[in-house]
């Protein structure tokens, strides 16, 4: 169930004044951290759209990133079937862990989650200096160049398969995925929207 200001009473704080809240990167699916929320922390999270916990060590509400500025921007709050724990989708603005890593659960990124991370990096380079990276140089060129690269890499993927060269197939597939993400970003589209299209077809 998605929790909002109107149905916050659905969350069961009667069993415990503090309930676990797991934060997940909405783009990559990586579990970023776990904290605890009381009702007030959840209310503040929904109101400010910034993930806020009840700190057991500080004995007060604590907004993630209040000192480091590495905040977690709220996307959605979900409750489990018993309504006594929370799953929070968020967009991290910098490293989540106080040790400087992306997640408090180090080295737990699923393989496919890297595509979301790559998409985020590519998006960040849209307006960068063309001299700063190959990706930035692609954004500085005409749209036709990105279209051409997707076409070329698609052909290379097919040729590698025809030759039964799996190593080349993997390399060319990686190139195709990279250039496809660049093209999608140029058009203001995301991999999530592609996945939504696939899900609609699956229905």
C-alpha atoms as a PDB file:
ATOM      1  CA  UNK A   1       0.000   0.000   0.000  1.00  0.00           C
ATOM      2  CA  UNK A   2       1.246   3.483  -0.860  1.00  0.00           C
ATOM      3  CA  UNK A   3       1.149   5.731   2.187  1.00  0.00           C
ATOM      4  CA  UNK A   4       0.303   9.432   1.938  1.00  0.00           C
ATOM      5  CA  UNK A   5      -0.945  12.204   4.198  1.00  0.00           C
ATOM      6  CA  UNK A   6      -4.538  11.049   3.799  1.00  0.00           C
ATOM      7  CA  UNK A   7      -4.081   7.409   4.821  1.00  0.00           C
ATOM      8  CA  UNK A   8      -1.168   7.631   7.271  1.00  0.00           C
ATOM      9  CA  UNK A   9      -3.454   6.144   9.945  1.00  0.00           C
ATOM     10  CA  UNK A  10      -3.200   2.835   8.082  1.00  0.00           C
ATOM     11  CA  UNK A  11       0.339   2.416   9.410  1.00  0.00           C
ATOM     12  CA  UNK A  12       0.289   0.338  12.591  1.00  0.00           C
ATOM     13  CA  UNK A  13       2.225   2.193  15.281  1.00  0.00           C
ATOM     14  CA  UNK A  14       0.262   0.408  18.018  1.00  0.00           C
ATOM     15  CA  UNK A  15       2.570  -2.618  18.038  1.00  0.00           C
ATOM     16  CA  UNK A  16       5.597  -0.382  18.441  1.00  0.00           C
ATOM     17  CA  UNK A  17       6.123   3.379  18.558  1.00  0.00           C
ATOM     18  CA  UNK A  18       9.128   2.882  16.264  1.00  0.00           C
ATOM     19  CA  UNK A  19       8.909   0.826  13.093  1.00  0.00           C
ATOM     20  CA  UNK A  20      11.683  -0.094  10.640  1.00  0.00           C
ATOM     21  CA  UNK A  21      11.967   1.947   7.464  1.00  0.00           C
ATOM     22  CA  UNK A  22      14.078   0.597   4.596  1.00  0.00           C
ATOM     23  CA  UNK A  23      15.187   3.117   1.979  1.00  0.00           C
ATOM     24  CA  UNK A  24      15.662   2.002  -1.619  1.00  0.00           C
ATOM     25  CA  UNK A  25      17.079   3.975  -4.539  1.00  0.00           C
ATOM     26  CA  UNK A  26      14.106   4.384  -6.855  1.00  0.00           C
ATOM     27  CA  UNK A  27      16.320   4.360  -9.944  1.00  0.00           C
ATOM     28  CA  UNK A  28      18.699   1.477  -9.248  1.00  0.00           C
ATOM     29  CA  UNK A  29      16.752  -0.565  -6.704  1.00  0.00           C
ATOM     30  CA  UNK A  30      19.775  -0.583  -4.381  1.00  0.00           C
ATOM     31  CA  UNK A  31      18.919  -0.742  -0.678  1.00  0.00           C
ATOM     32  CA  UNK A  32      20.509   2.407   0.736  1.00  0.00           C
ATOM     33  CA  UNK A  33      19.906   2.181   4.476  1.00  0.00           C
ATOM     34  CA  UNK A  34      17.541   1.244   7.276  1.00  0.00           C
ATOM     35  CA  UNK A  35      16.292   3.569   9.969  1.00  0.00           C
ATOM     36  CA  UNK A  36      13.349   3.810  12.323  1.00  0.00           C
ATOM     37  CA  UNK A  37      10.311   6.059  12.157  1.00  0.00           C
ATOM     38  CA  UNK A  38       7.641   7.054  14.603  1.00  0.00           C
ATOM     39  CA  UNK A  39       4.435   8.639  13.398  1.00  0.00           C
ATOM     40  CA  UNK A  40       5.868  12.158  13.614  1.00  0.00           C
ATOM     41  CA  UNK A  41       8.914  11.188  11.516  1.00  0.00           C
ATOM     42  CA  UNK A  42       6.637   9.749   8.852  1.00  0.00           C
ATOM     43  CA  UNK A  43       4.476  12.872   8.897  1.00  0.00           C
ATOM     44  CA  UNK A  44       7.534  15.107   8.478  1.00  0.00           C
ATOM     45  CA  UNK A  45       8.834  12.873   5.682  1.00  0.00           C
ATOM     46  CA  UNK A  46       5.565  13.201   3.783  1.00  0.00           C
ATOM     47  CA  UNK A  47       5.317  16.938   4.466  1.00  0.00           C
ATOM     48  CA  UNK A  48       8.882  17.955   3.582  1.00  0.00           C
ATOM     49  CA  UNK A  49       9.452  15.255   0.954  1.00  0.00           C
ATOM     50  CA  UNK A  50      12.784  14.500   2.652  1.00  0.00           C
ATOM     51  CA  UNK A  51      13.313  11.170   4.398  1.00  0.00           C
ATOM     52  CA  UNK A  52      13.297  11.774   8.153  1.00  0.00           C
ATOM     53  CA  UNK A  53      13.842   9.217  10.896  1.00  0.00           C
ATOM     54  CA  UNK A  54      13.596   9.075  14.644  1.00  0.00           C
ATOM     55  CA  UNK A  55      17.181   8.826  15.862  1.00  0.00           C
ATOM     56  CA  UNK A  56      17.473   6.486  18.823  1.00  0.00           C
ATOM     57  CA  UNK A  57      20.938   7.806  19.672  1.00  0.00           C
ATOM     58  CA  UNK A  58      19.902  11.475  19.472  1.00  0.00           C
ATOM     59  CA  UNK A  59      16.395  10.886  20.861  1.00  0.00           C
ATOM     60  CA  UNK A  60      14.907  13.252  18.290  1.00  0.00           C
ATOM     61  CA  UNK A  61      13.801  13.487  14.684  1.00  0.00           C
ATOM     62  CA  UNK A  62      16.683  13.385  12.233  1.00  0.00           C
ATOM     63  CA  UNK A  63      16.461  14.264   8.563  1.00  0.00           C
ATOM     64  CA  UNK A  64      18.995  12.256   6.578  1.00  0.00           C
ATOM     65  CA  UNK A  65      21.614  14.660   5.279  1.00  0.00           C
ATOM     66  CA  UNK A  66      20.760  17.530   7.616  1.00  0.00           C
ATOM     67  CA  UNK A  67      24.475  18.167   8.166  1.00  0.00           C
ATOM     68  CA  UNK A  68      26.092  16.543   5.100  1.00  0.00           C
ATOM     69  CA  UNK A  69      23.437  17.731   2.592  1.00  0.00           C
ATOM     70  CA  UNK A  70      23.319  14.155   1.275  1.00  0.00           C
ATOM     71  CA  UNK A  71      19.556  14.102   1.618  1.00  0.00           C
ATOM     72  CA  UNK A  72      17.128  11.443   0.442  1.00  0.00           C
ATOM     73  CA  UNK A  73      14.392  13.029  -1.644  1.00  0.00           C
ATOM     74  CA  UNK A  74      11.130  11.162  -1.146  1.00  0.00           C
ATOM     75  CA  UNK A  75       9.401   9.465  -4.060  1.00  0.00           C
ATOM     76  CA  UNK A  76       6.973   7.033  -2.401  1.00  0.00           C
ATOM     77  CA  UNK A  77       6.299   5.351   0.929  1.00  0.00           C
ATOM     78  CA  UNK A  78       4.974   1.783   0.979  1.00  0.00           C
ATOM     79  CA  UNK A  79       3.918  -0.382   3.885  1.00  0.00           C
ATOM     80  CA  UNK A  80       4.150  -4.141   4.097  1.00  0.00           C
ATOM     81  CA  UNK A  81       1.230  -6.567   4.397  1.00  0.00           C
ATOM     82  CA  UNK A  82       1.126  -6.182   8.200  1.00  0.00           C
ATOM     83  CA  UNK A  83       1.419  -2.398   7.952  1.00  0.00           C
ATOM     84  CA  UNK A  84       4.136  -2.297  10.603  1.00  0.00           C
ATOM     85  CA  UNK A  85       7.215  -1.649   8.476  1.00  0.00           C
ATOM     86  CA  UNK A  86       7.968   0.745   5.647  1.00  0.00           C
ATOM     87  CA  UNK A  87       9.716   0.634   2.292  1.00  0.00           C
ATOM     88  CA  UNK A  88      10.702   4.068   1.052  1.00  0.00           C
ATOM     89  CA  UNK A  89      11.586   4.888  -2.550  1.00  0.00           C
ATOM     90  CA  UNK A  90      13.924   7.852  -2.665  1.00  0.00           C
ATOM     91  CA  UNK A  91      16.395   9.724  -4.853  1.00  0.00           C
ATOM     92  CA  UNK A  92      19.749  10.041  -3.058  1.00  0.00           C
ATOM     93  CA  UNK A  93      21.530  13.359  -3.361  1.00  0.00           C
ATOM     94  CA  UNK A  94      25.032  12.073  -2.783  1.00  0.00           C
ATOM     95  CA  UNK A  95      26.415   9.123  -0.786  1.00  0.00           C
ATOM     96  CA  UNK A  96      23.977   7.695   1.743  1.00  0.00           C
ATOM     97  CA  UNK A  97      26.432   6.063   4.143  1.00  0.00           C
ATOM     98  CA  UNK A  98      28.364   8.235   6.592  1.00  0.00           C
ATOM     99  CA  UNK A  99      31.473   6.352   5.460  1.00  0.00           C
ATOM    100  CA  UNK A 100      31.045   7.862   2.009  1.00  0.00           C
ATOM    101  CA  UNK A 101      29.665   4.869   0.128  1.00  0.00           C
ATOM    102  CA  UNK A 102      26.506   4.795  -1.943  1.00  0.00           C
ATOM    103  CA  UNK A 103      24.794   2.391   0.439  1.00  0.00           C
ATOM    104  CA  UNK A 104      25.147   1.471   4.101  1.00  0.00           C
ATOM    105  CA  UNK A 105      25.057  -2.108   2.825  1.00  0.00           C
ATOM    106  CA  UNK A 106      28.363  -1.990   0.942  1.00  0.00           C
ATOM    107  CA  UNK A 107      28.908  -4.129  -2.160  1.00  0.00           C
ATOM    108  CA  UNK A 108      25.291  -5.250  -2.430  1.00  0.00           C
ATOM    109  CA  UNK A 109      24.365  -3.738  -5.798  1.00  0.00           C
ATOM    110  CA  UNK A 110      22.503  -6.233  -8.037  1.00  0.00           C
ATOM    111  CA  UNK A 111      24.064  -6.533 -11.487  1.00  0.00           C
ATOM    112  CA  UNK A 112      21.153  -4.938 -13.348  1.00  0.00           C
ATOM    113  CA  UNK A 113      21.115  -2.021 -10.891  1.00  0.00           C
ATOM    114  CA  UNK A 114      24.273  -0.753 -12.575  1.00  0.00           C
ATOM    115  CA  UNK A 115      22.168   0.328 -15.561  1.00  0.00           C
ATOM    116  CA  UNK A 116      20.314   2.769 -13.327  1.00  0.00           C
ATOM    117  CA  UNK A 117      23.587   4.033 -11.902  1.00  0.00           C
ATOM    118  CA  UNK A 118      25.008   4.451 -15.414  1.00  0.00           C
ATOM    119  CA  UNK A 119      21.891   6.343 -16.503  1.00  0.00           C
ATOM    120  CA  UNK A 120      22.312   8.730 -13.561  1.00  0.00           C
ATOM    121  CA  UNK A 121      25.951   9.399 -14.485  1.00  0.00           C
ATOM    122  CA  UNK A 122      25.030   9.985 -18.137  1.00  0.00           C
ATOM    123  CA  UNK A 123      22.256  12.403 -17.132  1.00  0.00           C
ATOM    124  CA  UNK A 124      24.688  14.352 -14.942  1.00  0.00           C
ATOM    125  CA  UNK A 125      26.959  14.914 -17.956  1.00  0.00           C
ATOM    126  CA  UNK A 126      24.307  16.440 -20.194  1.00  0.00           C
ATOM    127  CA  UNK A 127      25.428  20.003 -19.584  1.00  0.00           C
ATOM    128  CA  UNK A 128      29.082  19.326 -18.823  1.00  0.00           C
ATOM    129  CA  UNK A 129      31.927  20.689 -20.932  1.00  0.00           C
ATOM    130  CA  UNK A 130      32.382  18.606 -24.114  1.00  0.00           C
ATOM    131  CA  UNK A 131      36.068  18.288 -23.249  1.00  0.00           C
ATOM    132  CA  UNK A 132      35.334  16.717 -19.865  1.00  0.00           C
ATOM    133  CA  UNK A 133      34.214  13.290 -21.112  1.00  0.00           C
ATOM    134  CA  UNK A 134      33.187  11.266 -24.151  1.00  0.00           C
ATOM    135  CA  UNK A 135      29.593  11.305 -22.912  1.00  0.00           C
ATOM    136  CA  UNK A 136      29.556  15.096 -22.649  1.00  0.00           C
ATOM    137  CA  UNK A 137      31.000  15.351 -26.155  1.00  0.00           C
ATOM    138  CA  UNK A 138      28.128  13.234 -27.502  1.00  0.00           C
ATOM    139  CA  UNK A 139      25.555  15.574 -25.961  1.00  0.00           C
ATOM    140  CA  UNK A 140      27.344  18.534 -27.566  1.00  0.00           C
ATOM    141  CA  UNK A 141      26.999  17.024 -31.040  1.00  0.00           C
ATOM    142  CA  UNK A 142      23.941  16.928 -33.263  1.00  0.00           C
ATOM    143  CA  UNK A 143      21.171  14.441 -32.431  1.00  0.00           C
ATOM    144  CA  UNK A 144      21.920  12.610 -35.664  1.00  0.00           C
ATOM    145  CA  UNK A 145      25.268  11.498 -34.228  1.00  0.00           C
ATOM    146  CA  UNK A 146      23.591   9.671 -31.344  1.00  0.00           C
ATOM    147  CA  UNK A 147      21.071   8.123 -33.725  1.00  0.00           C
ATOM    148  CA  UNK A 148      23.927   6.989 -35.948  1.00  0.00           C
ATOM    149  CA  UNK A 149      25.796   5.429 -33.026  1.00  0.00           C
ATOM    150  CA  UNK A 150      22.739   3.429 -31.919  1.00  0.00           C
ATOM    151  CA  UNK A 151      22.290   2.182 -35.481  1.00  0.00           C
ATOM    152  CA  UNK A 152      25.950   1.251 -35.857  1.00  0.00           C
ATOM    153  CA  UNK A 153      26.095  -0.576 -32.528  1.00  0.00           C
ATOM    154  CA  UNK A 154      22.873  -2.447 -33.315  1.00  0.00           C
ATOM    155  CA  UNK A 155      24.416  -3.741 -36.538  1.00  0.00           C
ATOM    156  CA  UNK A 156      27.613  -4.698 -34.686  1.00  0.00           C
ATOM    157  CA  UNK A 157      25.556  -6.689 -32.163  1.00  0.00           C
ATOM    158  CA  UNK A 158      23.851  -8.623 -34.970  1.00  0.00           C
ATOM    159  CA  UNK A 159      27.140  -9.297 -36.767  1.00  0.00           C
ATOM    160  CA  UNK A 160      28.786 -10.555 -33.594  1.00  0.00           C
ATOM    161  CA  UNK A 161      25.916 -12.984 -33.053  1.00  0.00           C
ATOM    162  CA  UNK A 162      26.116 -14.175 -36.651  1.00  0.00           C
ATOM    163  CA  UNK A 163      29.833 -14.905 -36.136  1.00  0.00           C
ATOM    164  CA  UNK A 164      28.993 -16.725 -32.902  1.00  0.00           C
ATOM    165  CA  UNK A 165      31.576 -14.529 -31.158  1.00  0.00           C
ATOM    166  CA  UNK A 166      30.125 -14.200 -27.669  1.00  0.00           C
ATOM    167  CA  UNK A 167      32.912 -12.003 -26.315  1.00  0.00           C
ATOM    168  CA  UNK A 168      32.376  -9.506 -29.116  1.00  0.00           C
ATOM    169  CA  UNK A 169      28.610  -9.845 -28.667  1.00  0.00           C
ATOM    170  CA  UNK A 170      28.930  -8.813 -25.022  1.00  0.00           C
ATOM    171  CA  UNK A 171      31.181  -5.863 -25.859  1.00  0.00           C
ATOM    172  CA  UNK A 172      28.961  -4.620 -28.674  1.00  0.00           C
ATOM    173  CA  UNK A 173      25.838  -5.088 -26.536  1.00  0.00           C
ATOM    174  CA  UNK A 174      27.438  -2.942 -23.830  1.00  0.00           C
ATOM    175  CA  UNK A 175      28.161  -0.247 -26.424  1.00  0.00           C
ATOM    176  CA  UNK A 176      24.576  -0.442 -27.696  1.00  0.00           C
ATOM    177  CA  UNK A 177      23.071  -0.098 -24.219  1.00  0.00           C
ATOM    178  CA  UNK A 178      25.314   2.864 -23.430  1.00  0.00           C
ATOM    179  CA  UNK A 179      24.480   4.738 -26.629  1.00  0.00           C
ATOM    180  CA  UNK A 180      20.781   3.905 -26.263  1.00  0.00           C
ATOM    181  CA  UNK A 181      20.745   5.490 -22.791  1.00  0.00           C
ATOM    182  CA  UNK A 182      22.460   8.582 -24.214  1.00  0.00           C
ATOM    183  CA  UNK A 183      19.855   8.816 -26.957  1.00  0.00           C
ATOM    184  CA  UNK A 184      16.974   8.372 -24.506  1.00  0.00           C
ATOM    185  CA  UNK A 185      18.408  11.113 -22.294  1.00  0.00           C
ATOM    186  CA  UNK A 186      18.690  13.444 -25.270  1.00  0.00           C
ATOM    187  CA  UNK A 187      14.992  12.890 -25.901  1.00  0.00           C
ATOM    188  CA  UNK A 188      14.069  13.439 -22.258  1.00  0.00           C
ATOM    189  CA  UNK A 189      13.252   9.749 -21.751  1.00  0.00           C
ATOM    190  CA  UNK A 190      14.460   7.158 -19.236  1.00  0.00           C
ATOM    191  CA  UNK A 191      15.056   3.440 -18.945  1.00  0.00           C
ATOM    192  CA  UNK A 192      12.192   3.324 -16.443  1.00  0.00           C
ATOM    193  CA  UNK A 193       9.832   4.454 -19.177  1.00  0.00           C
ATOM    194  CA  UNK A 194      11.145   1.729 -21.478  1.00  0.00           C
ATOM    195  CA  UNK A 195      10.547  -0.824 -18.724  1.00  0.00           C
ATOM    196  CA  UNK A 196       7.012   0.542 -18.220  1.00  0.00           C
ATOM    197  CA  UNK A 197       6.365   0.013 -21.928  1.00  0.00           C
ATOM    198  CA  UNK A 198       7.570  -3.583 -21.643  1.00  0.00           C
ATOM    199  CA  UNK A 199       5.378  -4.147 -18.592  1.00  0.00           C
ATOM    200  CA  UNK A 200       2.349  -2.790 -20.454  1.00  0.00           C
ATOM    201  CA  UNK A 201       3.023  -5.217 -23.294  1.00  0.00           C
ATOM    202  CA  UNK A 202       3.392  -8.079 -20.841  1.00  0.00           C
ATOM    203  CA  UNK A 203      -0.116  -7.444 -19.522  1.00  0.00           C
END
